Amino acid sequence: MKPMVARDMVARDIVARDQVSLGAAKALRLALDGMSYRMFRSGVTVAILALAVAFLVHVLSYGLLSHATEQSCRRELAAERTLGQLVTRLTRADARASVESALSRGEPARREEYARWSPEVRDRLERAGRIAADLGRAAAYVEGLPPAARAVLLGDASALELFAGLDDPAQLQTFERRLASLGVFAPLGDAASFRRLVMTERRELDQVIDQVVAGHLSAVERLRSAYPKTELSELAVDPAPGFYDTVRKLGFVLPAAPEELREFTRRERDLKVIQRLLLTDSARAAAARELDLGLSDVSFGVVADAVRDVEDARWLAAALSSAGSPRHFEPERLRELMESHRRERRLEAVAAEAEPAPESGLLGASSEDRWLIVLSFVVCVVGVANAMLMSVTERFTEIATMKCLGALDRFIMAMFLFEAVVQGVVGGLSGVILGIALAALRGLVEFGTLFSRGLAAAAEVGTGVFVSLAVGVLLAMLAAVGPAFLAARLSPMEAMRVE
């Protein structure tokens, strides 16, 4: 007997349709909603990322800015010393040691002057520079030996003084025997090269230096003959018409404009006058009364630190006048002089404390700082991963519900990764702001107003900030991969069972 079939029932095929695929925008929106509902845990994750990025930004920014500041101070201090050396070199010839040092460093301006003063050695200056550099390396090698070996080889002399006498074959043999007895290699790593350096090449260098010194002395004498009634040092302060043109024609290379050189010379002259006057009893007593100090505590540095404005400079002007100052100093001029002296001392302090650049690592971070950065990021990854794992654990029911409603594994994973990226961006930006602020505060405390010179490295700092922000976001994503994968692979029944 056939089964009865209702007339209105029509046979239909059962078709399994694909699940609805939700887009990235929906995953991002759900991630933001989840963060807003769990604000405290999200805040903890953001704080962890912010501290890690802030540390990285602080190390990189301060390293780059401080290095730029130190180099700027060194350059300015070197420029001022060059101006002072020029004034001295207008009045007397360079010493032999100064010429040798300039040749070994290959200073273009000095080499140009030497070629002008002594055209006959123009073609030999480059070779003389190489010989001088080899002598410097050999001297550094000997003076860098252990104290006992250095005492045996040098005694009370310097290495260059010792080398000057090694052109005598007997003394050279004695020196080589001492090297052999100490088990020390010959300077330059080759006994033949060192023997040629001190026996032959050193004489070539001495001949070039002698001719350069003679040419410099001739230029000074011609300059003095052109202005016989005035001291050359005074002409640098108050130059006669055409003075600097004459200086250039005689072969001197001016490192700055005449106005800058004149102002530098005038400032140095005035500072020397003030220092000399402060040694007199009347000026010292006036300073002691004004500053409430003992006479033995009064010095030029103390007075320079005390004179900060025009009012402070008035009593100093009166004290200098009472001490028989050869010229009247206006209070504003005294204030400028004291400020320039403080600035020069600060430049010297910064330049003296500057560390050599080769010790710095990537983007200005030292090797020690790099290890600290790596350690902080390991802690950061562990902290973020723990926070994300707790977020996944708390949302098992939510994940199961979304899966029952058709959410795919990749959607669940994308949702948690978006949450990590958002937290990484927020934490990274917060860390960038905090790190730059800390670097600027540290720089101002250490360098004062000189720290503004570090802005020359702004482009490199910007690169470091971008790298730090990218690293913060990447760390957040890497830390979230494991928990996000766990959430994506979670079956709905397993999630319900946890609840």
Protein backbone atom coordinates (compact mmCIF):
# COMPACT_ATOMS: atom_id res chain seq x y z
CA MET A 1 0.00 0.00 0.00
CA LYS A 2 1.47 3.32 -1.10
CA PRO A 3 1.95 6.10 1.51
CA MET A 4 -0.40 8.96 1.20
CA VAL A 5 1.16 12.28 0.18
CA ALA A 6 -0.56 15.59 0.75
CA ARG A 7 -1.53 17.35 -2.42
CA ASP A 8 0.00 20.68 -1.35
CA MET A 9 3.36 19.22 -0.47
CA VAL A 10 5.97 19.76 -3.16
CA ALA A 11 9.33 18.05 -3.08
CA ARG A 12 12.15 20.62 -2.68
CA ASP A 13 15.94 20.21 -2.74
CA ILE A 14 17.85 21.09 0.42
CA VAL A 15 20.61 23.57 -0.50
CA ALA A 16 23.39 24.50 1.96
CA ARG A 17 24.26 28.13 1.32
CA ASP A 18 27.57 29.81 2.21
CA GLN A 19 27.78 31.67 5.48
CA VAL A 20 27.53 35.42 5.41
CA SER A 21 31.02 36.91 5.41
CA LEU A 22 31.30 39.98 7.64
CA GLY A 23 33.75 42.67 6.57
CA ALA A 24 36.69 44.32 8.28
CA ALA A 25 34.63 47.39 9.20
CA LYS A 26 32.26 45.22 11.25
CA ALA A 27 35.19 43.51 12.97
CA LEU A 28 36.71 46.88 13.83
CA ARG A 29 33.41 48.15 15.21
CA LEU A 30 32.95 45.09 17.41
CA ALA A 31 36.56 45.45 18.60
CA LEU A 32 35.91 49.06 19.61
CA ASP A 33 32.70 48.05 21.37
CA GLY A 34 34.54 45.32 23.25
CA MET A 35 37.23 47.77 24.35
CA SER A 36 34.64 50.25 25.59
CA TYR A 37 32.92 47.57 27.67
CA ARG A 38 36.25 46.48 29.15
CA MET A 39 37.81 49.90 29.58
CA PHE A 40 39.98 49.03 32.56
CA ARG A 41 41.64 46.01 30.93
CA SER A 42 42.12 47.93 27.69
CA GLY A 43 43.64 50.80 29.66
CA VAL A 44 46.12 48.42 31.28
CA THR A 45 47.20 47.12 27.87
CA VAL A 46 47.52 50.63 26.49
CA ALA A 47 49.58 51.67 29.52
CA ILE A 48 51.97 48.73 29.05
CA LEU A 49 52.49 49.62 25.40
CA ALA A 50 52.83 53.32 26.17
CA LEU A 51 55.58 52.73 28.73
CA ALA A 52 57.55 50.46 26.36
CA VAL A 53 57.27 52.91 23.45
CA ALA A 54 58.04 55.87 25.74
CA PHE A 55 61.25 54.19 26.86
CA LEU A 56 62.29 53.53 23.27
CA VAL A 57 61.42 57.06 22.12
CA HIS A 58 63.21 58.59 25.11
CA VAL A 59 66.40 56.61 24.48
CA LEU A 60 66.46 57.32 20.74
CA SER A 61 65.40 60.98 20.94
CA TYR A 62 67.73 61.89 23.77
CA GLY A 63 70.64 60.03 22.18
CA LEU A 64 70.21 61.79 18.85
CA LEU A 65 69.48 65.24 20.27
CA SER A 66 72.28 65.13 22.84
CA HIS A 67 74.79 63.94 20.25
CA ALA A 68 73.75 66.75 17.89
CA THR A 69 74.05 69.25 20.75
CA GLU A 70 77.52 68.02 21.70
CA GLN A 71 78.74 68.13 18.11
CA SER A 72 77.34 71.64 17.64
CA CYS A 73 79.10 72.82 20.81
CA ARG A 74 82.34 71.24 19.67
CA ARG A 75 82.13 72.93 16.28
CA GLU A 76 81.39 76.34 17.78
CA LEU A 77 84.17 75.98 20.34
CA ALA A 78 86.58 74.88 17.61
CA ALA A 79 85.56 77.87 15.48
CA GLU A 80 86.23 80.27 18.35
CA ARG A 81 89.59 78.67 19.06
CA THR A 82 90.44 78.94 15.38
CA LEU A 83 89.74 82.67 15.52
CA GLY A 84 92.00 82.98 18.56
CA GLN A 85 94.73 81.01 16.84
CA LEU A 86 94.49 83.25 13.78
CA VAL A 87 95.06 86.38 15.86
CA THR A 88 98.10 84.72 17.41
CA ARG A 89 99.38 83.52 14.03
CA LEU A 90 99.21 87.07 12.67
CA THR A 91 101.85 88.09 15.19
CA ARG A 92 104.22 85.09 15.24
CA ALA A 93 105.00 81.98 13.22
CA ASP A 94 103.60 78.58 14.11
CA ALA A 95 105.70 76.28 16.23
CA ARG A 96 107.08 73.18 14.55
CA ALA A 97 104.79 70.92 16.58
CA SER A 98 101.75 72.92 15.43
CA VAL A 99 102.77 72.57 11.77
CA GLU A 100 103.32 68.82 12.16
CA SER A 101 99.96 68.41 13.89
CA ALA A 102 98.15 70.39 11.16
CA LEU A 103 99.81 68.31 8.43
CA SER A 104 98.88 65.02 10.13
CA ARG A 105 95.23 66.09 10.44
CA GLY A 106 95.18 67.23 6.82
CA GLU A 107 93.56 70.60 7.55
CA PRO A 108 92.73 72.15 4.14
CA ALA A 109 93.02 75.77 5.29
CA ARG A 110 96.43 75.24 6.88
CA ARG A 111 97.72 73.28 3.90
CA GLU A 112 96.60 76.11 1.61
CA GLU A 113 98.45 78.65 3.74
CA TYR A 114 101.60 76.52 3.78
CA ALA A 115 101.48 76.20 -0.01
CA ARG A 116 101.19 79.98 -0.37
CA TRP A 117 104.03 80.74 2.01
CA SER A 118 106.36 78.06 0.65
CA PRO A 119 105.49 77.28 -3.00
CA GLU A 120 108.56 75.06 -3.30
CA VAL A 121 107.01 72.44 -0.99
CA ARG A 122 103.49 72.57 -2.46
CA ASP A 123 103.88 69.16 -4.12
CA ARG A 124 105.40 67.63 -0.98
CA LEU A 125 102.71 68.66 1.51
CA GLU A 126 100.51 65.62 0.91
CA ARG A 127 103.40 63.21 1.43
CA ALA A 128 104.50 65.19 4.50
CA GLY A 129 100.97 64.82 5.88
CA ARG A 130 101.12 61.03 5.47
CA ILE A 131 104.49 60.89 7.20
CA ALA A 132 103.19 63.04 10.07
CA ALA A 133 100.13 60.78 10.38
CA ASP A 134 102.37 57.68 10.52
CA LEU A 135 104.47 59.30 13.23
CA GLY A 136 101.33 60.08 15.19
CA ARG A 137 100.11 56.48 14.94
CA ALA A 138 103.51 55.13 15.97
CA ALA A 139 103.64 57.51 18.94
CA ALA A 140 100.11 56.54 20.00
CA TYR A 141 101.08 52.87 19.82
CA VAL A 142 104.15 53.29 22.03
CA GLU A 143 102.38 55.53 24.55
CA GLY A 144 99.50 53.06 24.71
CA LEU A 145 101.74 50.19 25.87
CA PRO A 146 101.51 48.92 29.48
CA PRO A 147 103.18 51.27 32.00
CA ALA A 148 106.20 49.02 32.60
CA ALA A 149 106.98 48.66 28.88
CA ARG A 150 106.35 52.34 28.26
CA ALA A 151 108.75 53.30 31.06
CA VAL A 152 111.49 51.07 29.64
CA LEU A 153 111.10 52.47 26.12
CA LEU A 154 110.47 56.14 26.84
CA GLY A 155 111.74 56.98 30.29
CA ASP A 156 110.80 60.63 30.93
CA ALA A 157 110.55 61.56 27.24
CA SER A 158 107.53 61.54 24.96
CA ALA A 159 107.29 59.17 22.01
CA LEU A 160 107.85 61.93 19.45
CA GLU A 161 110.91 63.15 21.36
CA LEU A 162 112.26 59.61 21.34
CA PHE A 163 111.62 59.20 17.60
CA ALA A 164 113.54 62.43 16.90
CA GLY A 165 116.72 60.76 18.11
CA LEU A 166 116.23 57.43 16.36
CA ASP A 167 117.82 58.69 13.15
CA ASP A 168 121.07 57.63 14.85
CA PRO A 169 121.58 53.95 13.92
CA ALA A 170 123.00 53.12 17.38
CA GLN A 171 119.97 54.54 19.20
CA LEU A 172 117.61 52.79 16.77
CA GLN A 173 119.29 49.44 17.43
CA THR A 174 119.01 50.00 21.17
CA PHE A 175 115.29 50.78 20.79
CA GLU A 176 114.72 47.64 18.69
CA ARG A 177 116.57 45.47 21.23
CA ARG A 178 114.34 46.82 23.99
CA LEU A 179 111.26 46.05 21.91
CA ALA A 180 112.48 42.49 21.38
CA SER A 181 113.27 42.00 25.09
CA LEU A 182 109.78 43.18 26.01
CA GLY A 183 108.15 40.98 23.38
CA VAL A 184 106.52 44.01 21.78
CA PHE A 185 105.89 44.45 18.07
CA ALA A 186 107.52 47.38 16.29
CA PRO A 187 105.32 50.48 15.73
CA LEU A 188 103.33 50.35 12.47
CA GLY A 189 103.51 46.55 12.74
CA ASP A 190 106.62 46.29 10.58
CA ALA A 191 110.21 46.88 11.71
CA ALA A 192 111.32 47.88 8.19
CA SER A 193 108.52 50.44 7.82
CA PHE A 194 109.27 51.93 11.22
CA ARG A 195 113.01 52.06 10.46
CA ARG A 196 112.32 53.86 7.17
CA LEU A 197 109.97 56.27 8.97
CA VAL A 198 112.46 57.43 11.62
CA MET A 199 115.61 57.23 9.48
CA THR A 200 114.49 58.73 6.15
CA GLU A 201 110.93 59.97 6.07
CA ARG A 202 111.25 61.93 9.29
CA ARG A 203 114.02 64.00 7.68
CA GLU A 204 111.77 64.76 4.69
CA LEU A 205 109.07 65.95 7.07
CA ASP A 206 111.52 68.13 8.99
CA GLN A 207 112.63 69.81 5.77
CA VAL A 208 109.05 70.63 4.81
CA ILE A 209 108.28 71.95 8.30
CA ASP A 210 111.40 74.13 8.28
CA GLN A 211 110.39 75.74 5.00
CA VAL A 212 106.78 76.24 6.15
CA VAL A 213 107.90 77.92 9.39
CA ALA A 214 110.31 80.15 7.45
CA GLY A 215 107.54 81.12 5.01
CA HIS A 216 105.14 81.91 7.85
CA LEU A 217 107.74 84.02 9.60
CA SER A 218 108.36 85.93 6.38
CA ALA A 219 104.61 86.63 6.01
CA VAL A 220 104.43 87.94 9.59
CA GLU A 221 107.41 90.20 9.02
CA ARG A 222 105.88 91.62 5.83
CA LEU A 223 102.60 92.25 7.63
CA ARG A 224 104.43 94.00 10.48
CA SER A 225 106.36 96.09 7.92
CA ALA A 226 103.09 97.17 6.30
CA TYR A 227 101.87 98.61 9.66
CA PRO A 228 105.04 99.58 11.56
CA LYS A 229 103.38 102.00 13.99
CA THR A 230 100.63 99.74 15.31
CA GLU A 231 100.63 96.42 17.13
CA LEU A 232 99.16 93.66 14.97
CA SER A 233 96.95 92.44 17.83
CA GLU A 234 95.40 95.92 18.04
CA LEU A 235 94.86 96.01 14.30
CA ALA A 236 92.71 92.90 14.61
CA VAL A 237 90.44 94.83 17.01
CA ASP A 238 90.47 98.19 15.21
CA PRO A 239 91.70 97.34 11.71
CA ALA A 240 93.12 100.00 9.45
CA PRO A 241 91.61 100.38 5.99
CA GLY A 242 92.59 97.43 3.83
CA PHE A 243 94.11 95.48 6.73
CA TYR A 244 92.29 92.22 6.02
CA ASP A 245 92.94 92.52 2.29
CA THR A 246 96.63 92.75 3.10
CA VAL A 247 96.31 89.72 5.38
CA ARG A 248 94.76 87.68 2.56
CA LYS A 249 97.37 88.79 0.05
CA LEU A 250 100.10 87.58 2.38
CA GLY A 251 98.65 84.07 2.26
CA PHE A 252 96.59 83.92 5.47
CA VAL A 253 93.23 82.15 5.23
CA LEU A 254 90.53 83.92 7.23
CA PRO A 255 88.10 81.39 8.75
CA ALA A 256 85.39 84.01 9.27
CA ALA A 257 84.17 87.37 8.07
CA PRO A 258 86.28 90.36 9.19
CA GLU A 259 83.40 91.67 11.34
CA GLU A 260 83.15 88.37 13.23
CA LEU A 261 86.91 88.24 13.72
CA ARG A 262 86.97 91.83 14.93
CA GLU A 263 84.17 91.23 17.44
CA PHE A 264 85.86 88.08 18.72
CA THR A 265 89.18 89.87 19.19
CA ARG A 266 87.51 92.78 20.92
CA ARG A 267 85.64 90.46 23.27
CA GLU A 268 88.79 88.53 24.16
CA ARG A 269 90.68 91.77 24.80
CA ASP A 270 87.95 93.14 27.07
CA LEU A 271 87.68 89.91 29.03
CA LYS A 272 91.43 89.89 29.64
CA VAL A 273 91.27 93.51 30.86
CA ILE A 274 88.43 92.67 33.27
CA GLN A 275 90.27 89.61 34.59
CA ARG A 276 93.39 91.70 35.22
CA LEU A 277 91.43 94.48 36.97
CA LEU A 278 89.63 92.02 39.25
CA LEU A 279 93.02 91.06 40.64
CA THR A 280 93.50 94.58 42.02
CA ASP A 281 92.66 95.24 45.67
CA SER A 282 90.02 97.93 45.00
CA ALA A 283 88.02 95.89 42.44
CA ARG A 284 88.28 92.71 44.52
CA ALA A 285 87.08 94.53 47.65
CA ALA A 286 84.13 96.06 45.77
CA ALA A 287 83.13 92.66 44.41
CA ALA A 288 83.44 91.07 47.85
CA ARG A 289 81.14 93.73 49.38
CA GLU A 290 78.58 93.42 46.61
CA LEU A 291 78.50 89.62 46.59
CA ASP A 292 78.92 89.25 50.37
CA LEU A 293 82.01 87.07 49.99
CA GLY A 294 85.47 86.94 51.45
CA LEU A 295 88.30 88.45 49.45
CA SER A 296 89.79 85.01 48.81
CA ASP A 297 86.49 83.80 47.35
CA VAL A 298 86.29 86.49 44.67
CA SER A 299 87.29 85.28 41.20
CA PHE A 300 86.42 86.15 37.64
CA GLY A 301 84.19 83.07 37.32
CA VAL A 302 82.24 84.00 40.46
CA VAL A 303 81.72 87.55 39.22
CA ALA A 304 80.66 86.30 35.77
CA ASP A 305 78.05 84.03 37.37
CA ALA A 306 76.74 86.90 39.51
CA VAL A 307 76.30 89.47 36.71
CA ARG A 308 73.05 88.42 35.05
CA ASP A 309 71.46 91.72 34.02
CA VAL A 310 72.27 95.39 33.52
CA GLU A 311 71.59 96.27 37.17
CA ASP A 312 74.14 93.70 38.29
CA ALA A 313 76.62 95.13 35.80
CA ARG A 314 76.42 98.67 37.20
CA TRP A 315 78.39 97.93 40.36
CA LEU A 316 80.95 95.99 38.30
CA ALA A 317 81.42 98.99 35.98
CA ALA A 318 81.96 101.22 39.03
CA ALA A 319 84.42 98.73 40.55
CA LEU A 320 86.43 98.53 37.34
CA SER A 321 86.55 102.31 37.05
CA SER A 322 87.84 102.61 40.61
CA ALA A 323 90.58 100.09 39.73
CA GLY A 324 91.87 102.35 36.95
CA SER A 325 90.30 100.69 33.91
CA PRO A 326 91.97 101.87 30.68
CA ARG A 327 88.53 102.17 29.05
CA HIS A 328 85.00 102.77 30.26
CA PHE A 329 82.76 99.70 30.20
CA GLU A 330 79.05 100.30 29.75
CA PRO A 331 76.83 98.08 31.93
CA GLU A 332 75.18 96.53 28.86
CA ARG A 333 78.59 95.68 27.42
CA LEU A 334 79.64 94.09 30.72
CA ARG A 335 76.48 92.01 30.78
CA GLU A 336 77.20 90.77 27.25
CA LEU A 337 80.78 89.93 28.15
CA MET A 338 79.80 87.97 31.26
CA GLU A 339 77.12 86.11 29.32
CA SER A 340 79.61 85.19 26.57
CA HIS A 341 82.06 83.95 29.21
CA ARG A 342 79.40 81.76 30.84
CA ARG A 343 78.41 80.43 27.45
CA GLU A 344 81.99 79.57 26.55
CA ARG A 345 82.46 77.71 29.83
CA ARG A 346 79.28 75.78 29.17
CA LEU A 347 80.47 74.92 25.65
CA GLU A 348 83.76 73.64 27.08
CA ALA A 349 81.95 71.55 29.68
CA VAL A 350 79.62 69.97 27.10
CA ALA A 351 82.47 69.33 24.65
CA ALA A 352 84.59 67.77 27.41
CA GLU A 353 81.79 65.43 28.53
CA ALA A 354 80.88 64.38 24.99
CA GLU A 355 81.43 60.69 24.29
CA PRO A 356 82.83 59.46 20.99
CA ALA A 357 80.23 58.62 18.37
CA PRO A 358 81.49 55.08 17.54
CA GLU A 359 80.17 53.83 20.88
CA SER A 360 76.63 54.72 19.81
CA GLY A 361 74.38 52.12 18.30
CA LEU A 362 71.49 52.28 15.89
CA LEU A 363 69.78 55.70 15.90
CA GLY A 364 71.91 56.93 18.78
CA ALA A 365 71.23 54.08 21.24
CA SER A 366 74.24 52.57 22.99
CA SER A 367 74.70 48.81 23.30
CA GLU A 368 73.51 48.92 26.93
CA ASP A 369 70.39 50.84 25.96
CA ARG A 370 69.64 48.37 23.18
CA TRP A 371 69.63 45.50 25.66
CA LEU A 372 67.32 47.45 27.96
CA ILE A 373 65.01 48.18 25.02
CA VAL A 374 64.88 44.49 24.09
CA LEU A 375 64.17 43.52 27.70
CA SER A 376 61.41 46.11 28.02
CA PHE A 377 59.78 44.87 24.82
CA VAL A 378 59.89 41.26 26.02
CA VAL A 379 58.07 42.34 29.18
CA CYS A 380 55.69 44.37 27.03
CA VAL A 381 54.85 41.38 24.79
CA VAL A 382 54.24 39.15 27.80
CA GLY A 383 52.01 41.78 29.42
CA VAL A 384 49.96 42.41 26.29
CA ALA A 385 49.63 38.70 25.55
CA ASN A 386 48.40 38.11 29.09
CA ALA A 387 45.86 40.94 28.83
CA MET A 388 44.60 39.68 25.46
CA LEU A 389 44.36 36.12 26.77
CA MET A 390 42.28 37.31 29.71
CA SER A 391 40.07 39.23 27.28
CA VAL A 392 39.53 36.05 25.25
CA THR A 393 38.78 34.02 28.38
CA GLU A 394 36.19 36.55 29.59
CA ARG A 395 34.48 36.55 26.19
CA PHE A 396 34.03 32.81 25.61
CA THR A 397 30.22 33.10 25.67
CA GLU A 398 30.32 36.08 23.34
CA ILE A 399 32.58 34.20 20.93
CA ALA A 400 30.31 31.14 21.02
CA THR A 401 27.22 33.27 20.35
CA MET A 402 28.87 34.96 17.37
CA LYS A 403 29.92 31.58 15.97
CA CYS A 404 26.41 30.23 16.37
CA LEU A 405 25.15 33.25 14.43
CA GLY A 406 27.54 32.49 11.58
CA ALA A 407 30.80 34.31 12.39
CA LEU A 408 33.79 32.69 10.68
CA ASP A 409 37.11 31.91 12.31
CA ARG A 410 38.88 34.63 10.36
CA PHE A 411 36.30 37.18 11.50
CA ILE A 412 36.88 36.30 15.16
CA MET A 413 40.64 36.49 14.69
CA ALA A 414 40.39 39.78 12.80
CA MET A 415 38.28 41.26 15.59
CA PHE A 416 40.90 40.55 18.24
CA LEU A 417 43.76 41.67 15.99
CA PHE A 418 41.94 44.94 15.31
CA GLU A 419 41.55 45.40 19.03
CA ALA A 420 45.28 44.89 19.48
CA VAL A 421 46.11 47.32 16.66
CA VAL A 422 43.88 50.02 18.11
CA GLN A 423 45.46 49.56 21.52
CA GLY A 424 48.90 49.60 19.91
CA VAL A 425 48.20 52.86 18.08
CA VAL A 426 46.76 54.56 21.19
CA GLY A 427 49.55 53.25 23.41
CA GLY A 428 52.20 54.10 20.81
CA LEU A 429 51.03 57.69 20.38
CA SER A 430 50.84 58.13 24.15
CA GLY A 431 54.33 56.67 24.50
CA VAL A 432 55.69 58.94 21.76
CA ILE A 433 54.39 62.04 23.52
CA LEU A 434 55.66 60.88 26.90
CA GLY A 435 59.06 59.81 25.55
CA ILE A 436 59.69 63.10 23.72
CA ALA A 437 58.63 65.07 26.78
CA LEU A 438 61.02 63.11 29.00
CA ALA A 439 63.87 63.48 26.49
CA ALA A 440 63.30 67.24 26.23
CA LEU A 441 63.13 67.61 30.02
CA ARG A 442 66.31 65.60 30.52
CA GLY A 443 68.09 67.58 27.82
CA LEU A 444 67.09 70.94 29.31
CA VAL A 445 68.27 69.84 32.75
CA GLU A 446 71.62 68.60 31.42
CA PHE A 447 72.38 71.13 28.65
CA GLY A 448 70.16 74.11 29.43
CA THR A 449 69.43 76.40 26.51
CA LEU A 450 72.20 74.73 24.49
CA PHE A 451 69.85 71.76 24.00
CA SER A 452 68.04 73.74 21.30
CA ARG A 453 71.06 73.05 19.08
CA GLY A 454 69.96 69.43 18.96
CA LEU A 455 67.01 70.40 16.73
CA ALA A 456 69.42 69.95 13.83
CA ALA A 457 68.74 66.21 14.28
CA ALA A 458 64.95 66.68 14.02
CA ALA A 459 64.73 64.55 10.87
CA GLU A 460 66.55 61.65 12.52
CA VAL A 461 64.38 62.03 15.62
CA GLY A 462 61.29 61.89 13.41
CA THR A 463 62.55 58.65 11.90
CA GLY A 464 63.16 57.25 15.37
CA VAL A 465 59.65 58.25 16.49
CA PHE A 466 58.09 56.59 13.45
CA VAL A 467 60.09 53.42 14.06
CA SER A 468 59.07 53.43 17.73
CA LEU A 469 55.38 53.82 16.88
CA ALA A 470 55.56 51.05 14.28
CA VAL A 471 57.34 48.77 16.74
CA GLY A 472 54.67 49.43 19.37
CA VAL A 473 51.84 48.49 16.97
CA LEU A 474 53.75 45.44 15.73
CA LEU A 475 54.37 44.25 19.28
CA ALA A 476 50.69 44.57 20.10
CA MET A 477 49.77 42.52 17.01
CA LEU A 478 52.37 39.84 17.74
CA ALA A 479 51.24 39.56 21.34
CA ALA A 480 47.61 39.17 20.20
CA VAL A 481 48.23 36.49 17.56
CA GLY A 482 48.22 33.59 20.03
CA PRO A 483 45.08 34.61 21.98
CA ALA A 484 43.29 35.56 18.72
CA PHE A 485 44.09 32.18 17.18
CA LEU A 486 42.80 30.46 20.32
CA ALA A 487 39.55 32.43 20.11
CA ALA A 488 39.15 31.70 16.41
CA ARG A 489 39.62 27.92 16.85
CA LEU A 490 37.22 27.73 19.79
CA SER A 491 34.11 25.64 19.03
CA PRO A 492 30.71 26.99 20.16
CA MET A 493 29.92 23.93 22.30
CA GLU A 494 33.28 24.16 24.09
CA ALA A 495 32.71 27.84 24.83
CA MET A 496 29.23 27.14 26.20
CA ARG A 497 30.61 24.36 28.37
CA VAL A 498 33.06 26.80 30.00
CA GLU A 499 30.17 28.95 31.10
